[in-house]
Amino acid sequence: MVERALPALAALDFASFCAEVGHLQARMGAYFASLQGGIFTSPRVAAVLEGLRADGVTGLGQSSWGPTGFAFAASEHEGQEMLSALRQRGLGAGLRLVLARGATKAPRSPSAERGNR
């Protein structure tokens, strides 16, 4: 995380950040699979995330022990397309699928906010 994901985030390298988050999530899911009944806690969340993975989405996983899943999209438009594709295939039934907006650029450092005084 510290060696790859955070530097990619700081460099605004979306593809590398997503690849690293997906890699870490897959490793953690595999590690805890015997305790949580698979890579993901919820079979319905697993179906959604595996559907996204089949579509080429790499930045996805579950929060802690779940059952909340997540996937990163490069834009709001791409996120809407992801949701639409999931719904068209009937994935996500019984789940609340939400498109949330994150930061669009790196936050300024506190010293930059103070004018480096």
C-alpha atoms as a PDB file:
ATOM      1  CA  MET A   1       0.000   0.000   0.000  1.00  0.00           C
ATOM      2  CA  VAL A   2       2.650   2.466   1.053  1.00  0.00           C
ATOM      3  CA  GLU A   3       5.030   1.547  -1.757  1.00  0.00           C
ATOM      4  CA  ARG A   4       2.586   1.523  -4.680  1.00  0.00           C
ATOM      5  CA  ALA A   5      -1.000   2.594  -3.979  1.00  0.00           C
ATOM      6  CA  LEU A   6      -0.289   5.801  -2.077  1.00  0.00           C
ATOM      7  CA  PRO A   7       2.349   7.066  -4.534  1.00  0.00           C
ATOM      8  CA  ALA A   8      -0.055   6.321  -7.408  1.00  0.00           C
ATOM      9  CA  LEU A   9      -2.773   8.265  -5.591  1.00  0.00           C
ATOM     10  CA  ALA A  10      -0.416  11.176  -4.955  1.00  0.00           C
ATOM     11  CA  ALA A  11       0.582  11.179  -8.636  1.00  0.00           C
ATOM     12  CA  LEU A  12      -3.106  11.054  -9.670  1.00  0.00           C
ATOM     13  CA  ASP A  13      -2.331   7.794 -11.525  1.00  0.00           C
ATOM     14  CA  PHE A  14      -5.821   6.308 -11.437  1.00  0.00           C
ATOM     15  CA  ALA A  15      -5.026   3.080 -13.304  1.00  0.00           C
ATOM     16  CA  SER A  16      -2.044   2.196 -11.093  1.00  0.00           C
ATOM     17  CA  PHE A  17      -3.947   3.069  -7.921  1.00  0.00           C
ATOM     18  CA  CYS A  18      -6.862   0.847  -8.952  1.00  0.00           C
ATOM     19  CA  ALA A  19      -4.586  -2.030  -9.920  1.00  0.00           C
ATOM     20  CA  GLU A  20      -2.829  -1.915  -6.565  1.00  0.00           C
ATOM     21  CA  VAL A  21      -6.046  -1.639  -4.524  1.00  0.00           C
ATOM     22  CA  GLY A  22      -7.521  -4.562  -6.474  1.00  0.00           C
ATOM     23  CA  HIS A  23      -4.376  -6.623  -5.930  1.00  0.00           C
ATOM     24  CA  LEU A  24      -4.349  -5.931  -2.198  1.00  0.00           C
ATOM     25  CA  GLN A  25      -8.068  -6.664  -1.889  1.00  0.00           C
ATOM     26  CA  ALA A  26      -7.674  -9.986  -3.730  1.00  0.00           C
ATOM     27  CA  ARG A  27      -4.813 -11.025  -1.447  1.00  0.00           C
ATOM     28  CA  MET A  28      -6.691 -10.054   1.718  1.00  0.00           C
ATOM     29  CA  GLY A  29      -9.848 -11.774   0.484  1.00  0.00           C
ATOM     30  CA  ALA A  30      -7.927 -14.966  -0.266  1.00  0.00           C
ATOM     31  CA  TYR A  31      -6.272 -14.841   3.151  1.00  0.00           C
ATOM     32  CA  PHE A  32      -9.594 -14.543   4.995  1.00  0.00           C
ATOM     33  CA  ALA A  33     -11.660 -16.691   2.593  1.00  0.00           C
ATOM     34  CA  SER A  34     -11.862 -19.648   4.974  1.00  0.00           C
ATOM     35  CA  LEU A  35     -13.251 -17.397   7.721  1.00  0.00           C
ATOM     36  CA  GLN A  36     -15.735 -15.397   5.644  1.00  0.00           C
ATOM     37  CA  GLY A  37     -16.985 -18.053   3.242  1.00  0.00           C
ATOM     38  CA  GLY A  38     -15.081 -16.890   0.177  1.00  0.00           C
ATOM     39  CA  ILE A  39     -13.124 -13.908  -1.062  1.00  0.00           C
ATOM     40  CA  PHE A  40     -16.123 -11.699  -0.249  1.00  0.00           C
ATOM     41  CA  THR A  41     -18.473 -12.043   2.729  1.00  0.00           C
ATOM     42  CA  SER A  42     -21.712 -11.639   0.796  1.00  0.00           C
ATOM     43  CA  PRO A  43     -22.487 -13.847  -2.220  1.00  0.00           C
ATOM     44  CA  ARG A  44     -24.555 -11.000  -3.741  1.00  0.00           C
ATOM     45  CA  VAL A  45     -21.719  -8.500  -3.335  1.00  0.00           C
ATOM     46  CA  ALA A  46     -19.330 -11.123  -4.730  1.00  0.00           C
ATOM     47  CA  ALA A  47     -21.524 -11.501  -7.849  1.00  0.00           C
ATOM     48  CA  VAL A  48     -21.483  -7.738  -8.431  1.00  0.00           C
ATOM     49  CA  LEU A  49     -17.732  -7.416  -7.930  1.00  0.00           C
ATOM     50  CA  GLU A  50     -16.961 -10.459 -10.073  1.00  0.00           C
ATOM     51  CA  GLY A  51     -19.212  -8.987 -12.782  1.00  0.00           C
ATOM     52  CA  LEU A  52     -17.250  -5.748 -12.641  1.00  0.00           C
ATOM     53  CA  ARG A  53     -13.959  -7.643 -12.674  1.00  0.00           C
ATOM     54  CA  ALA A  54     -15.146  -9.507 -15.802  1.00  0.00           C
ATOM     55  CA  ASP A  55     -15.751  -6.082 -17.371  1.00  0.00           C
ATOM     56  CA  GLY A  56     -12.123  -5.118 -16.666  1.00  0.00           C
ATOM     57  CA  VAL A  57     -12.591  -3.114 -13.470  1.00  0.00           C
ATOM     58  CA  THR A  58      -9.488  -3.515 -11.302  1.00  0.00           C
ATOM     59  CA  GLY A  59     -10.029  -1.127  -8.359  1.00  0.00           C
ATOM     60  CA  LEU A  60     -12.586  -3.068  -6.371  1.00  0.00           C
ATOM     61  CA  GLY A  61     -12.986  -4.893  -3.083  1.00  0.00           C
ATOM     62  CA  GLN A  62     -14.943  -5.023   0.147  1.00  0.00           C
ATOM     63  CA  SER A  63     -14.749  -2.852   3.220  1.00  0.00           C
ATOM     64  CA  SER A  64     -13.146  -4.692   6.114  1.00  0.00           C
ATOM     65  CA  TRP A  65     -15.324  -7.772   6.755  1.00  0.00           C
ATOM     66  CA  GLY A  66     -18.016  -6.488   4.411  1.00  0.00           C
ATOM     67  CA  PRO A  67     -20.627  -6.746   3.321  1.00  0.00           C
ATOM     68  CA  THR A  68     -20.053  -3.371   1.657  1.00  0.00           C
ATOM     69  CA  GLY A  69     -18.306  -3.672  -1.693  1.00  0.00           C
ATOM     70  CA  PHE A  70     -16.737  -0.885  -3.705  1.00  0.00           C
ATOM     71  CA  ALA A  71     -15.347  -0.185  -7.149  1.00  0.00           C
ATOM     72  CA  PHE A  72     -13.560   2.896  -8.438  1.00  0.00           C
ATOM     73  CA  ALA A  73     -14.620   4.617 -11.667  1.00  0.00           C
ATOM     74  CA  ALA A  74     -12.544   7.233 -13.468  1.00  0.00           C
ATOM     75  CA  SER A  75     -15.538   9.545 -13.916  1.00  0.00           C
ATOM     76  CA  GLU A  76     -19.167   9.951 -12.982  1.00  0.00           C
ATOM     77  CA  HIS A  77     -20.115   8.914 -16.514  1.00  0.00           C
ATOM     78  CA  GLU A  78     -18.067   5.713 -16.237  1.00  0.00           C
ATOM     79  CA  GLY A  79     -19.645   5.009 -12.855  1.00  0.00           C
ATOM     80  CA  GLN A  80     -23.130   5.408 -14.308  1.00  0.00           C
ATOM     81  CA  GLU A  81     -22.190   3.023 -17.127  1.00  0.00           C
ATOM     82  CA  MET A  82     -20.945   0.480 -14.584  1.00  0.00           C
ATOM     83  CA  LEU A  83     -24.209   0.687 -12.638  1.00  0.00           C
ATOM     84  CA  SER A  84     -26.273   0.416 -15.805  1.00  0.00           C
ATOM     85  CA  ALA A  85     -24.359  -2.656 -16.992  1.00  0.00           C
ATOM     86  CA  LEU A  86     -24.800  -4.345 -13.610  1.00  0.00           C
ATOM     87  CA  ARG A  87     -28.526  -3.679 -13.586  1.00  0.00           C
ATOM     88  CA  GLN A  88     -28.976  -4.846 -17.183  1.00  0.00           C
ATOM     89  CA  ARG A  89     -27.382  -8.176 -16.260  1.00  0.00           C
ATOM     90  CA  GLY A  90     -29.512  -8.477 -13.126  1.00  0.00           C
ATOM     91  CA  LEU A  91     -26.558  -8.174 -10.770  1.00  0.00           C
ATOM     92  CA  GLY A  92     -27.097  -6.337  -7.538  1.00  0.00           C
ATOM     93  CA  ALA A  93     -30.658  -7.541  -6.913  1.00  0.00           C
ATOM     94  CA  GLY A  94     -31.447  -6.929  -3.264  1.00  0.00           C
ATOM     95  CA  LEU A  95     -28.472  -4.602  -2.892  1.00  0.00           C
ATOM     96  CA  ARG A  96     -28.306  -0.832  -2.743  1.00  0.00           C
ATOM     97  CA  LEU A  97     -25.953   0.272  -5.522  1.00  0.00           C
ATOM     98  CA  VAL A  98     -24.725   3.825  -4.989  1.00  0.00           C
ATOM     99  CA  LEU A  99     -22.505   6.090  -7.036  1.00  0.00           C
ATOM    100  CA  ALA A 100     -20.444   8.216  -4.663  1.00  0.00           C
ATOM    101  CA  ARG A 101     -18.181  11.083  -5.682  1.00  0.00           C
ATOM    102  CA  GLY A 102     -14.664  11.307  -4.318  1.00  0.00           C
ATOM    103  CA  ALA A 103     -12.019  13.978  -4.526  1.00  0.00           C
ATOM    104  CA  THR A 104     -11.268  15.110  -8.060  1.00  0.00           C
ATOM    105  CA  LYS A 105      -7.731  16.260  -7.364  1.00  0.00           C
ATOM    106  CA  ALA A 106      -5.117  15.937  -4.678  1.00  0.00           C
ATOM    107  CA  PRO A 107      -5.831  18.080  -1.611  1.00  0.00           C
ATOM    108  CA  ARG A 108      -3.527  20.986  -0.953  1.00  0.00           C
ATOM    109  CA  SER A 109      -1.133  20.672   1.918  1.00  0.00           C
ATOM    110  CA  PRO A 110      -1.808  22.744   5.059  1.00  0.00           C
ATOM    111  CA  SER A 111       1.354  24.788   4.381  1.00  0.00           C
ATOM    112  CA  ALA A 112       0.069  25.666   0.898  1.00  0.00           C
ATOM    113  CA  GLU A 113      -3.222  26.769   2.430  1.00  0.00           C
ATOM    114  CA  ARG A 114      -1.354  29.129   4.792  1.00  0.00           C
ATOM    115  CA  GLY A 115       0.816  30.489   2.005  1.00  0.00           C
ATOM    116  CA  ASN A 116       3.904  28.706   3.416  1.00  0.00           C
ATOM    117  CA  ARG A 117       4.179  31.154   6.317  1.00  0.00           C
END
